Amino acid sequence: MKVIVVGAGRVGRRVAEHLSKRHDVTVVDINGRLVDELQYSLDVLAVEGDATLPDTLEEAGVYNADYVIATTNNDNVNIVVCSLAKTLSNPRTIARVKNMEYLRVWGRGREALGVDTMVCAVPLVARSIINVVEYPQIRFLRKLYGELYVGDVLSAPETLWSVEIKGRTLVIGTLDEIRRTYRAQRPQNVLIMGGSETGIFLAEMLSEKVYNVKLVERDEKRAEYASKKARFCPCDSGRCI
């Protein structure tokens, strides 16, 4: 399978590194230094150029590509790259975005904006934080296999299979078993510092669980934006919601 990865930053590099073990990968980046580094460190074809231009995607082999994955730090660039790739050929397109507004628009009609799959870390980070809030005894919880999950916990009860590894306690069980064992906590007051996309999305999710949520942001315009997006009433200072 032929894959074009646009963006040779941290995310693009990791994607290219993993995919290159089994697939034919071409990485495109406007930064010549990053292109040179990849050329020597990974088993990939690296192309220097602006992937929002047809000539660059053509040089990268878009007409024969099965996937085009846009991973730059610029949401607009990633969406344009996917849209252009769809116009030139018909690969499956994946766009990394940081702004939740793009994800909301894309969710109204899949394949919108020329993007087959849109990936955003904001919901994943927010859900991880909520898990910590609701289950403070569980450091992290990940799906292991089938219905089994593995959790890094503060203490392990006898009802779950557990193991000690390098001073950490891991438990394994179904999601229902782990949640029944540790039981969800219901804190009434939550204070979020910072009106980033993650902070706003987190406030939205927590408010749906009937928590008293306040979000503090020192930039007044950003605080007003957060207030509208998260549907909160701003406090007297106009700096929190």
Foldseek 3Di string as FASTA:
>chain_A
DEEEEEDLPPVSVVVCQVCQVPYAYEYEYQDPVSQVVCVPPHPYHYFHDQLLDPVRCVVSPLQPHQEYEYDHQDQVSQLSNLLVSVVVHNHAYEGEDAACVVVVVCVVDACPSNHNYYDYCLVVVLVQVVCCQFQVQWNGWAADDDQKIKTFGPDDDPVFDWDADPNIIITMDGPVVVCVVRPTDDAQEDEAEDLGNNSLVSLLVNVVVNHHYKYFAPDLVSLVVSCVSSVHDADPVSGMD
